[in-house]
Every structure is written in structure tokens, then in C-alpha cells.
PDB file of N, CA and C in Angstrom:
ATOM      1  N   MET A   1     -31.253  19.930 -29.173  1.00  0.00           N
ATOM      2  CA  MET A   1     -30.811  20.886 -27.986  1.00  0.00           C
ATOM      3  C   MET A   1     -29.888  21.756 -28.770  1.00  0.00           C
ATOM      4  N   MET A   2     -29.847  23.010 -28.394  1.00  0.00           N
ATOM      5  CA  MET A   2     -28.922  24.051 -28.917  1.00  0.00           C
ATOM      6  C   MET A   2     -27.656  23.897 -28.058  1.00  0.00           C
ATOM      7  N   ALA A   3     -26.509  24.302 -28.711  1.00  0.00           N
ATOM      8  CA  ALA A   3     -25.201  24.154 -28.140  1.00  0.00           C
ATOM      9  C   ALA A   3     -25.100  24.917 -26.829  1.00  0.00           C
ATOM     10  N   SER A   4     -25.772  26.051 -26.755  1.00  0.00           N
ATOM     11  CA  SER A   4     -25.682  27.058 -25.482  1.00  0.00           C
ATOM     12  C   SER A   4     -26.446  26.194 -24.346  1.00  0.00           C
ATOM     13  N   GLN A   5     -27.513  25.596 -24.715  1.00  0.00           N
ATOM     14  CA  GLN A   5     -28.277  24.833 -23.663  1.00  0.00           C
ATOM     15  C   GLN A   5     -27.499  23.645 -23.170  1.00  0.00           C
ATOM     16  N   GLU A   6     -26.892  22.998 -24.131  1.00  0.00           N
ATOM     17  CA  GLU A   6     -25.947  21.857 -23.811  1.00  0.00           C
ATOM     18  C   GLU A   6     -24.843  22.169 -22.940  1.00  0.00           C
ATOM     19  N   LYS A   7     -24.273  23.439 -23.110  1.00  0.00           N
ATOM     20  CA  LYS A   7     -23.142  23.833 -22.288  1.00  0.00           C
ATOM     21  C   LYS A   7     -23.514  24.138 -20.902  1.00  0.00           C
ATOM     22  N   ARG A   8     -24.705  24.718 -20.787  1.00  0.00           N
ATOM     23  CA  ARG A   8     -25.326  25.022 -19.557  1.00  0.00           C
ATOM     24  C   ARG A   8     -25.638  23.734 -18.696  1.00  0.00           C
ATOM     25  N   LYS A   9     -26.213  22.766 -19.405  1.00  0.00           N
ATOM     26  CA  LYS A   9     -26.491  21.564 -18.757  1.00  0.00           C
ATOM     27  C   LYS A   9     -25.183  20.826 -18.292  1.00  0.00           C
ATOM     28  N   ASN A  10     -24.116  20.747 -19.051  1.00  0.00           N
ATOM     29  CA  ASN A  10     -22.866  20.224 -18.561  1.00  0.00           C
ATOM     30  C   ASN A  10     -22.247  20.944 -17.431  1.00  0.00           C
ATOM     31  N   LYS A  11     -22.553  22.179 -17.293  1.00  0.00           N
ATOM     32  CA  LYS A  11     -21.965  22.973 -16.090  1.00  0.00           C
ATOM     33  C   LYS A  11     -22.698  22.743 -14.896  1.00  0.00           C
ATOM     34  N   GLN A  12     -23.885  22.370 -14.970  1.00  0.00           N
ATOM     35  CA  GLN A  12     -24.788  22.089 -13.817  1.00  0.00           C
ATOM     36  C   GLN A  12     -24.478  20.695 -13.371  1.00  0.00           C
ATOM     37  N   THR A  13     -24.038  19.809 -14.115  1.00  0.00           N
ATOM     38  CA  THR A  13     -23.859  18.338 -13.685  1.00  0.00           C
ATOM     39  C   THR A  13     -22.357  18.184 -13.257  1.00  0.00           C
ATOM     40  N   PRO A  14     -22.036  17.987 -11.939  1.00  0.00           N
ATOM     41  CA  PRO A  14     -20.709  17.751 -11.618  1.00  0.00           C
ATOM     42  C   PRO A  14     -20.248  16.519 -12.134  1.00  0.00           C
ATOM     43  N   LYS A  15     -18.936  16.588 -12.526  1.00  0.00           N
ATOM     44  CA  LYS A  15     -18.225  15.298 -13.057  1.00  0.00           C
ATOM     45  C   LYS A  15     -17.746  14.392 -11.983  1.00  0.00           C
ATOM     46  N   ILE A  16     -18.071  13.056 -12.106  1.00  0.00           N
ATOM     47  CA  ILE A  16     -17.668  12.214 -11.082  1.00  0.00           C
ATOM     48  C   ILE A  16     -16.508  11.417 -11.532  1.00  0.00           C
ATOM     49  N   HIS A  17     -15.427  11.419 -10.855  1.00  0.00           N
ATOM     50  CA  HIS A  17     -14.171  10.775 -11.246  1.00  0.00           C
ATOM     51  C   HIS A  17     -14.182   9.394 -10.456  1.00  0.00           C
ATOM     52  N   TYR A  18     -14.409   8.308 -11.216  1.00  0.00           N
ATOM     53  CA  TYR A  18     -14.417   6.856 -10.588  1.00  0.00           C
ATOM     54  C   TYR A  18     -12.962   6.423 -10.475  1.00  0.00           C
ATOM     55  N   PRO A  19     -12.643   5.810  -9.335  1.00  0.00           N
ATOM     56  CA  PRO A  19     -11.227   5.342  -9.107  1.00  0.00           C
ATOM     57  C   PRO A  19     -10.895   4.170 -10.033  1.00  0.00           C
ATOM     58  N   GLN A  20      -9.618   4.245 -10.256  1.00  0.00           N
ATOM     59  CA  GLN A  20      -9.081   3.035 -10.929  1.00  0.00           C
ATOM     60  C   GLN A  20      -8.587   1.846  -9.906  1.00  0.00           C
ATOM     61  N   LEU A  21      -8.441   0.731 -10.320  1.00  0.00           N
ATOM     62  CA  LEU A  21      -8.063  -0.319  -9.438  1.00  0.00           C
ATOM     63  C   LEU A  21      -6.758   0.023  -8.776  1.00  0.00           C
ATOM     64  N   ASP A  22      -5.762   0.524  -9.389  1.00  0.00           N
ATOM     65  CA  ASP A  22      -4.506   0.740  -8.619  1.00  0.00           C
ATOM     66  C   ASP A  22      -4.652   1.833  -7.580  1.00  0.00           C
ATOM     67  N   THR A  23      -5.585   2.791  -7.790  1.00  0.00           N
ATOM     68  CA  THR A  23      -5.856   3.737  -6.729  1.00  0.00           C
ATOM     69  C   THR A  23      -6.519   3.100  -5.554  1.00  0.00           C
ATOM     70  N   ILE A  24      -7.447   2.177  -5.821  1.00  0.00           N
ATOM     71  CA  ILE A  24      -8.121   1.600  -4.736  1.00  0.00           C
ATOM     72  C   ILE A  24      -7.260   0.623  -3.939  1.00  0.00           C
ATOM     73  N   LEU A  25      -6.240  -0.060  -4.555  1.00  0.00           N
ATOM     74  CA  LEU A  25      -5.260  -0.908  -3.854  1.00  0.00           C
ATOM     75  C   LEU A  25      -4.435  -0.062  -3.195  1.00  0.00           C
ATOM     76  N   MET A  26      -4.005   1.050  -3.613  1.00  0.00           N
ATOM     77  CA  MET A  26      -3.056   1.985  -2.922  1.00  0.00           C
ATOM     78  C   MET A  26      -3.673   2.480  -1.593  1.00  0.00           C
ATOM     79  N   VAL A  27      -4.901   2.761  -1.586  1.00  0.00           N
ATOM     80  CA  VAL A  27      -5.632   3.181  -0.387  1.00  0.00           C
ATOM     81  C   VAL A  27      -5.753   1.921   0.590  1.00  0.00           C
ATOM     82  N   GLU A  28      -6.176   0.874   0.081  1.00  0.00           N
ATOM     83  CA  GLU A  28      -6.291  -0.355   0.908  1.00  0.00           C
ATOM     84  C   GLU A  28      -4.880  -0.606   1.645  1.00  0.00           C
ATOM     85  N   GLU A  29      -3.815  -0.643   0.922  1.00  0.00           N
ATOM     86  CA  GLU A  29      -2.456  -0.901   1.468  1.00  0.00           C
ATOM     87  C   GLU A  29      -2.173   0.191   2.514  1.00  0.00           C
ATOM     88  N   LYS A  30      -2.521   1.457   2.348  1.00  0.00           N
ATOM     89  CA  LYS A  30      -2.120   2.538   3.276  1.00  0.00           C
ATOM     90  C   LYS A  30      -2.917   2.376   4.499  1.00  0.00           C
ATOM     91  N   ILE A  31      -4.283   1.928   4.469  1.00  0.00           N
ATOM     92  CA  ILE A  31      -5.083   1.722   5.559  1.00  0.00           C
ATOM     93  C   ILE A  31      -4.461   0.682   6.444  1.00  0.00           C
ATOM     94  N   GLN A  32      -3.975  -0.532   5.830  1.00  0.00           N
ATOM     95  CA  GLN A  32      -3.314  -1.586   6.536  1.00  0.00           C
ATOM     96  C   GLN A  32      -1.982  -1.213   7.222  1.00  0.00           C
ATOM     97  N   GLU A  33      -1.258  -0.349   6.670  1.00  0.00           N
ATOM     98  CA  GLU A  33      -0.003   0.291   7.158  1.00  0.00           C
ATOM     99  C   GLU A  33      -0.251   1.177   8.290  1.00  0.00           C
ATOM    100  N   MET A  34      -1.266   1.991   8.304  1.00  0.00           N
ATOM    101  CA  MET A  34      -1.517   3.036   9.290  1.00  0.00           C
ATOM    102  C   MET A  34      -2.161   2.550  10.586  1.00  0.00           C
ATOM    103  N   ASN A  35      -2.063   3.079  11.643  1.00  0.00           N
ATOM    104  CA  ASN A  35      -2.697   2.766  12.945  1.00  0.00           C
ATOM    105  C   ASN A  35      -4.082   3.638  13.049  1.00  0.00           C
ATOM    106  N   TYR A  36      -5.076   2.977  12.606  1.00  0.00           N
ATOM    107  CA  TYR A  36      -6.460   3.562  12.720  1.00  0.00           C
ATOM    108  C   TYR A  36      -6.546   5.100  12.360  1.00  0.00           C
ATOM    109  N   PRO A  37      -6.264   5.436  11.088  1.00  0.00           N
ATOM    110  CA  PRO A  37      -6.127   6.722  10.717  1.00  0.00           C
ATOM    111  C   PRO A  37      -7.644   7.316  10.556  1.00  0.00           C
ATOM    112  N   LYS A  38      -7.735   8.685  10.883  1.00  0.00           N
ATOM    113  CA  LYS A  38      -9.043   9.340  10.465  1.00  0.00           C
ATOM    114  C   LYS A  38      -9.014   9.545   8.954  1.00  0.00           C
ATOM    115  N   LYS A  39     -10.134   9.828   8.476  1.00  0.00           N
ATOM    116  CA  LYS A  39     -10.288   9.799   6.950  1.00  0.00           C
ATOM    117  C   LYS A  39      -9.409  10.891   6.289  1.00  0.00           C
ATOM    118  N   THR A  40      -9.329  12.140   6.811  1.00  0.00           N
ATOM    119  CA  THR A  40      -8.422  13.065   6.248  1.00  0.00           C
ATOM    120  C   THR A  40      -6.992  12.767   6.401  1.00  0.00           C
ATOM    121  N   GLU A  41      -6.553  12.248   7.556  1.00  0.00           N
ATOM    122  CA  GLU A  41      -5.216  11.798   7.822  1.00  0.00           C
ATOM    123  C   GLU A  41      -4.721  10.859   6.751  1.00  0.00           C
ATOM    124  N   LEU A  42      -5.658   9.808   6.456  1.00  0.00           N
ATOM    125  CA  LEU A  42      -5.313   8.832   5.508  1.00  0.00           C
ATOM    126  C   LEU A  42      -5.155   9.428   4.070  1.00  0.00           C
ATOM    127  N   TRP A  43      -6.011  10.208   3.786  1.00  0.00           N
ATOM    128  CA  TRP A  43      -5.957  10.855   2.370  1.00  0.00           C
ATOM    129  C   TRP A  43      -4.771  11.747   2.254  1.00  0.00           C
ATOM    130  N   ARG A  44      -4.252  12.434   3.231  1.00  0.00           N
ATOM    131  CA  ARG A  44      -3.106  13.197   3.225  1.00  0.00           C
ATOM    132  C   ARG A  44      -1.889  12.347   3.156  1.00  0.00           C
ATOM    133  N   ALA A  45      -1.990  11.169   3.755  1.00  0.00           N
ATOM    134  CA  ALA A  45      -0.753  10.254   3.907  1.00  0.00           C
ATOM    135  C   ALA A  45      -0.605   9.300   2.592  1.00  0.00           C
ATOM    136  N   LEU A  46      -1.433   9.410   1.524  1.00  0.00           N
ATOM    137  CA  LEU A  46      -1.432   8.708   0.289  1.00  0.00           C
ATOM    138  C   LEU A  46      -0.128   9.082  -0.372  1.00  0.00           C
ATOM    139  N   PRO A  47       0.504   8.150  -0.970  1.00  0.00           N
ATOM    140  CA  PRO A  47       1.745   8.355  -1.748  1.00  0.00           C
ATOM    141  C   PRO A  47       1.543   9.190  -3.048  1.00  0.00           C
ATOM    142  N   LYS A  48       0.330   8.998  -3.678  1.00  0.00           N
ATOM    143  CA  LYS A  48      -0.023   9.935  -4.846  1.00  0.00           C
ATOM    144  C   LYS A  48      -1.319  10.651  -4.467  1.00  0.00           C
ATOM    145  N   ARG A  49      -1.360  11.737  -5.191  1.00  0.00           N
ATOM    146  CA  ARG A  49      -2.606  12.721  -4.982  1.00  0.00           C
ATOM    147  C   ARG A  49      -3.698  12.075  -5.599  1.00  0.00           C
ATOM    148  N   VAL A  50      -4.818  12.020  -4.812  1.00  0.00           N
ATOM    149  CA  VAL A  50      -6.151  11.583  -5.293  1.00  0.00           C
ATOM    150  C   VAL A  50      -7.108  12.604  -5.023  1.00  0.00           C
ATOM    151  N   MET A  51      -8.031  12.964  -5.944  1.00  0.00           N
ATOM    152  CA  MET A  51      -9.079  13.921  -5.674  1.00  0.00           C
ATOM    153  C   MET A  51      -9.976  13.442  -4.484  1.00  0.00           C
ATOM    154  N   TYR A  52     -10.353  14.412  -3.692  1.00  0.00           N
ATOM    155  CA  TYR A  52     -11.122  14.002  -2.466  1.00  0.00           C
ATOM    156  C   TYR A  52     -12.395  13.314  -2.777  1.00  0.00           C
ATOM    157  N   GLN A  53     -12.924  13.745  -3.738  1.00  0.00           N
ATOM    158  CA  GLN A  53     -14.221  13.164  -4.204  1.00  0.00           C
ATOM    159  C   GLN A  53     -14.056  11.706  -4.602  1.00  0.00           C
ATOM    160  N   THR A  54     -13.011  11.498  -5.342  1.00  0.00           N
ATOM    161  CA  THR A  54     -12.738  10.035  -5.838  1.00  0.00           C
ATOM    162  C   THR A  54     -12.265   9.209  -4.529  1.00  0.00           C
ATOM    163  N   TYR A  55     -11.593   9.866  -3.646  1.00  0.00           N
ATOM    164  CA  TYR A  55     -11.164   9.124  -2.511  1.00  0.00           C
ATOM    165  C   TYR A  55     -12.398   8.753  -1.585  1.00  0.00           C
ATOM    166  N   CYS A  56     -13.421   9.578  -1.520  1.00  0.00           N
ATOM    167  CA  CYS A  56     -14.540   9.340  -0.813  1.00  0.00           C
ATOM    168  C   CYS A  56     -15.311   8.119  -1.336  1.00  0.00           C
ATOM    169  N   ILE A  57     -15.286   8.029  -2.747  1.00  0.00           N
ATOM    170  CA  ILE A  57     -16.023   6.905  -3.432  1.00  0.00           C
ATOM    171  C   ILE A  57     -15.256   5.727  -3.012  1.00  0.00           C
ATOM    172  N   ILE A  58     -13.905   5.715  -2.926  1.00  0.00           N
ATOM    173  CA  ILE A  58     -13.224   4.513  -2.582  1.00  0.00           C
ATOM    174  C   ILE A  58     -13.501   4.056  -1.042  1.00  0.00           C
ATOM    175  N   ILE A  59     -13.492   5.124  -0.174  1.00  0.00           N
ATOM    176  CA  ILE A  59     -13.864   4.882   1.198  1.00  0.00           C
ATOM    177  C   ILE A  59     -15.275   4.207   1.410  1.00  0.00           C
ATOM    178  N   ASP A  60     -16.290   4.809   0.574  1.00  0.00           N
ATOM    179  CA  ASP A  60     -17.566   4.174   0.642  1.00  0.00           C
ATOM    180  C   ASP A  60     -17.707   2.854   0.168  1.00  0.00           C
ATOM    181  N   TYR A  61     -16.935   2.563  -0.999  1.00  0.00           N
ATOM    182  CA  TYR A  61     -16.796   1.248  -1.588  1.00  0.00           C
ATOM    183  C   TYR A  61     -16.163   0.184  -0.501  1.00  0.00           C
ATOM    184  N   LEU A  62     -15.202   0.644   0.124  1.00  0.00           N
ATOM    185  CA  LEU A  62     -14.525  -0.341   1.110  1.00  0.00           C
ATOM    186  C   LEU A  62     -15.287  -0.586   2.329  1.00  0.00           C
ATOM    187  N   GLU A  63     -16.125   0.415   2.745  1.00  0.00           N
ATOM    188  CA  GLU A  63     -16.993   0.247   3.844  1.00  0.00           C
ATOM    189  C   GLU A  63     -18.237  -0.705   3.510  1.00  0.00           C
ATOM    190  N   GLN A  64     -18.729  -0.404   2.300  1.00  0.00           N
ATOM    191  CA  GLN A  64     -19.855  -1.350   1.866  1.00  0.00           C
ATOM    192  C   GLN A  64     -19.544  -2.763   1.456  1.00  0.00           C
ATOM    193  N   SER A  65     -18.188  -2.988   1.140  1.00  0.00           N
ATOM    194  CA  SER A  65     -17.889  -4.280   0.680  1.00  0.00           C
ATOM    195  C   SER A  65     -17.384  -4.969   1.887  1.00  0.00           C
ATOM    196  N   GLY A  66     -17.309  -4.416   3.089  1.00  0.00           N
ATOM    197  CA  GLY A  66     -17.078  -5.119   4.343  1.00  0.00           C
ATOM    198  C   GLY A  66     -15.505  -5.252   4.630  1.00  0.00           C
ATOM    199  N   LYS A  67     -14.667  -4.352   3.894  1.00  0.00           N
ATOM    200  CA  LYS A  67     -13.330  -4.460   4.101  1.00  0.00           C
ATOM    201  C   LYS A  67     -12.819  -3.380   5.344  1.00  0.00           C
ATOM    202  N   ILE A  68     -13.612  -2.433   5.445  1.00  0.00           N
ATOM    203  CA  ILE A  68     -13.341  -1.378   6.599  1.00  0.00           C
ATOM    204  C   ILE A  68     -14.576  -1.110   7.336  1.00  0.00           C
ATOM    205  N   LEU A  69     -14.242  -0.651   8.592  1.00  0.00           N
ATOM    206  CA  LEU A  69     -15.323   0.006   9.553  1.00  0.00           C
ATOM    207  C   LEU A  69     -14.837   1.367   9.890  1.00  0.00           C
ATOM    208  N   ILE A  70     -15.747   2.233  10.123  1.00  0.00           N
ATOM    209  CA  ILE A  70     -15.468   3.525  10.555  1.00  0.00           C
ATOM    210  C   ILE A  70     -16.049   3.645  11.812  1.00  0.00           C
ATOM    211  N   ASP A  71     -15.281   3.838  12.935  1.00  0.00           N
ATOM    212  CA  ASP A  71     -15.835   3.907  14.337  1.00  0.00           C
ATOM    213  C   ASP A  71     -16.418   5.289  14.661  1.00  0.00           C
ATOM    214  N   ASP A  72     -16.921   5.315  15.932  1.00  0.00           N
ATOM    215  CA  ASP A  72     -17.579   6.551  16.320  1.00  0.00           C
ATOM    216  C   ASP A  72     -16.739   7.788  16.256  1.00  0.00           C
ATOM    217  N   ASP A  73     -15.405   7.591  16.389  1.00  0.00           N
ATOM    218  CA  ASP A  73     -14.516   8.860  16.355  1.00  0.00           C
ATOM    219  C   ASP A  73     -14.094   9.023  15.001  1.00  0.00           C
ATOM    220  N   GLY A  74     -14.545   8.335  14.002  1.00  0.00           N
ATOM    221  CA  GLY A  74     -14.104   8.663  12.546  1.00  0.00           C
ATOM    222  C   GLY A  74     -12.913   7.907  12.219  1.00  0.00           C
ATOM    223  N   ARG A  75     -12.467   6.898  12.928  1.00  0.00           N
ATOM    224  CA  ARG A  75     -11.247   6.202  12.652  1.00  0.00           C
ATOM    225  C   ARG A  75     -11.482   4.999  11.664  1.00  0.00           C
ATOM    226  N   ILE A  76     -10.711   4.722  10.842  1.00  0.00           N
ATOM    227  CA  ILE A  76     -10.876   3.718   9.818  1.00  0.00           C
ATOM    228  C   ILE A  76     -10.041   2.430  10.283  1.00  0.00           C
ATOM    229  N   VAL A  77     -10.879   1.340  10.374  1.00  0.00           N
ATOM    230  CA  VAL A  77     -10.371   0.141  10.894  1.00  0.00           C
ATOM    231  C   VAL A  77     -10.545  -0.966   9.761  1.00  0.00           C
ATOM    232  N   TRP A  78      -9.311  -1.665   9.403  1.00  0.00           N
ATOM    233  CA  TRP A  78      -9.246  -2.580   8.383  1.00  0.00           C
ATOM    234  C   TRP A  78      -9.852  -3.914   9.001  1.00  0.00           C
ATOM    235  N   ILE A  79     -10.809  -4.551   8.423  1.00  0.00           N
ATOM    236  CA  ILE A  79     -11.413  -5.734   9.006  1.00  0.00           C
ATOM    237  C   ILE A  79     -11.335  -6.939   8.162  1.00  0.00           C
ATOM    238  N   TRP A  80     -11.053  -6.677   6.760  1.00  0.00           N
ATOM    239  CA  TRP A  80     -11.057  -7.815   5.891  1.00  0.00           C
ATOM    240  C   TRP A  80     -10.004  -8.859   6.187  1.00  0.00           C
ATOM    241  N   ASN A  81     -10.406 -10.119   6.278  1.00  0.00           N
ATOM    242  CA  ASN A  81      -9.559 -11.161   6.582  1.00  0.00           C
ATOM    243  C   ASN A  81      -9.732 -12.398   5.664  1.00  0.00           C
ATOM    244  N   PRO A  82      -9.189 -12.400   4.498  1.00  0.00           N
ATOM    245  CA  PRO A  82      -9.496 -13.645   3.617  1.00  0.00           C
ATOM    246  C   PRO A  82      -9.058 -14.968   4.027  1.00  0.00           C
ATOM    247  N   GLU A  83      -8.103 -15.062   4.931  1.00  0.00           N
ATOM    248  CA  GLU A  83      -7.633 -16.242   5.513  1.00  0.00           C
ATOM    249  C   GLU A  83      -8.662 -16.942   6.461  1.00  0.00           C
ATOM    250  N   LEU A  84      -9.358 -15.988   7.247  1.00  0.00           N
ATOM    251  CA  LEU A  84     -10.351 -16.529   8.088  1.00  0.00           C
ATOM    252  C   LEU A  84     -11.610 -16.997   7.159  1.00  0.00           C
ATOM    253  N   ILE A  85     -11.798 -16.356   6.080  1.00  0.00           N
ATOM    254  CA  ILE A  85     -12.853 -16.943   5.198  1.00  0.00           C
ATOM    255  C   ILE A  85     -12.605 -18.162   4.634  1.00  0.00           C
ATOM    256  N   LYS A  86     -11.382 -18.424   4.311  1.00  0.00           N
ATOM    257  CA  LYS A  86     -10.740 -19.747   3.794  1.00  0.00           C
ATOM    258  C   LYS A  86     -10.980 -20.701   4.827  1.00  0.00           C
ATOM    259  N   ASN A  87     -10.614 -20.470   5.973  1.00  0.00           N
ATOM    260  CA  ASN A  87     -10.657 -21.370   7.150  1.00  0.00           C
ATOM    261  C   ASN A  87     -12.168 -21.779   7.315  1.00  0.00           C
ATOM    262  N   ILE A  88     -12.974 -20.875   7.303  1.00  0.00           N
ATOM    263  CA  ILE A  88     -14.503 -21.133   7.598  1.00  0.00           C
ATOM    264  C   ILE A  88     -14.975 -22.007   6.399  1.00  0.00           C
ATOM    265  N   LEU A  89     -14.751 -21.692   5.234  1.00  0.00           N
ATOM    266  CA  LEU A  89     -15.097 -22.461   4.051  1.00  0.00           C
ATOM    267  C   LEU A  89     -14.532 -23.952   4.117  1.00  0.00           C
ATOM    268  N   SER A  90     -13.334 -24.104   4.477  1.00  0.00           N
ATOM    269  CA  SER A  90     -12.744 -25.404   4.556  1.00  0.00           C
ATOM    270  C   SER A  90     -13.109 -26.185   5.657  1.00  0.00           C
ATOM    271  N   SER A  91     -13.918 -25.693   6.660  1.00  0.00           N
ATOM    272  CA  SER A  91     -14.321 -26.292   7.822  1.00  0.00           C
ATOM    273  C   SER A  91     -15.645 -26.977   7.512  1.00  0.00           C
ATOM    274  N   GLY A  92     -16.272 -26.780   6.347  1.00  0.00           N
ATOM    275  CA  GLY A  92     -17.472 -27.374   5.970  1.00  0.00           C
ATOM    276  C   GLY A  92     -18.663 -26.514   5.969  1.00  0.00           C
ATOM    277  N   VAL A  93     -18.450 -25.103   6.133  1.00  0.00           N
ATOM    278  CA  VAL A  93     -19.570 -24.195   6.145  1.00  0.00           C
ATOM    279  C   VAL A  93     -20.059 -24.093   4.762  1.00  0.00           C
ATOM    280  N   LYS A  94     -21.424 -24.143   4.454  1.00  0.00           N
ATOM    281  CA  LYS A  94     -21.739 -24.128   3.066  1.00  0.00           C
ATOM    282  C   LYS A  94     -22.497 -22.750   2.899  1.00  0.00           C
ATOM    283  N   LEU A  95     -22.125 -22.002   1.733  1.00  0.00           N
ATOM    284  CA  LEU A  95     -22.697 -20.756   1.508  1.00  0.00           C
ATOM    285  C   LEU A  95     -23.912 -21.049   0.467  1.00  0.00           C
ATOM    286  N   LYS A  96     -24.912 -20.157   0.553  1.00  0.00           N
ATOM    287  CA  LYS A  96     -26.015 -20.178  -0.361  1.00  0.00           C
ATOM    288  C   LYS A  96     -25.671 -19.697  -1.710  1.00  0.00           C
TER     289      LYS A  96
END
């Protein structure tokens, strides 16, 4: 491939910035501190600047992993409770 074709190809493909663990943990902590924030409210309240695209990846990850829910009003609700999981497992429930 010629250099000019390669440059054009790179310009067409948007660069995705994947979050680092410390950024994910920062977002998790802020969600737990705030009172059911909307997505943009939470993003603006973060102590460090995070690219919005990267932030959206974090929110999608937290939702898919079962740590948050987003209600009909767009508010983020923290639902992850590891203590509850420990109690369920210690009561004799067996996982596959």
C-alpha cells in the first residue's frame, strides 16, 4: 500500500481510546457519591477530564457488567452489591 493511501485509510478510521483501570474506578466512585446523576452531569463532575467517547465506553461496560442501571429518565443508578453476593454464596447457593 502506498503511503498516501495508508494516510487516507488512517484518517477514515476513528481512534478509540480505551479507558485505564484508574479511570474506570474513578467513574465508579463518583457514581456512588452522587445522587442518581444523569450521564452528562456525572461526566462533568469527574475530578479528572475524560474524553466523552472513553467515558461512554466506561458507562457501557458498567451497565453490561451489572454494576449500574440507567432508568427511563437517563439517571444512573449504582446496583452492584458484593456483600449481597457473598451472603448468597455463603448460604449454600451453588453456581454453575
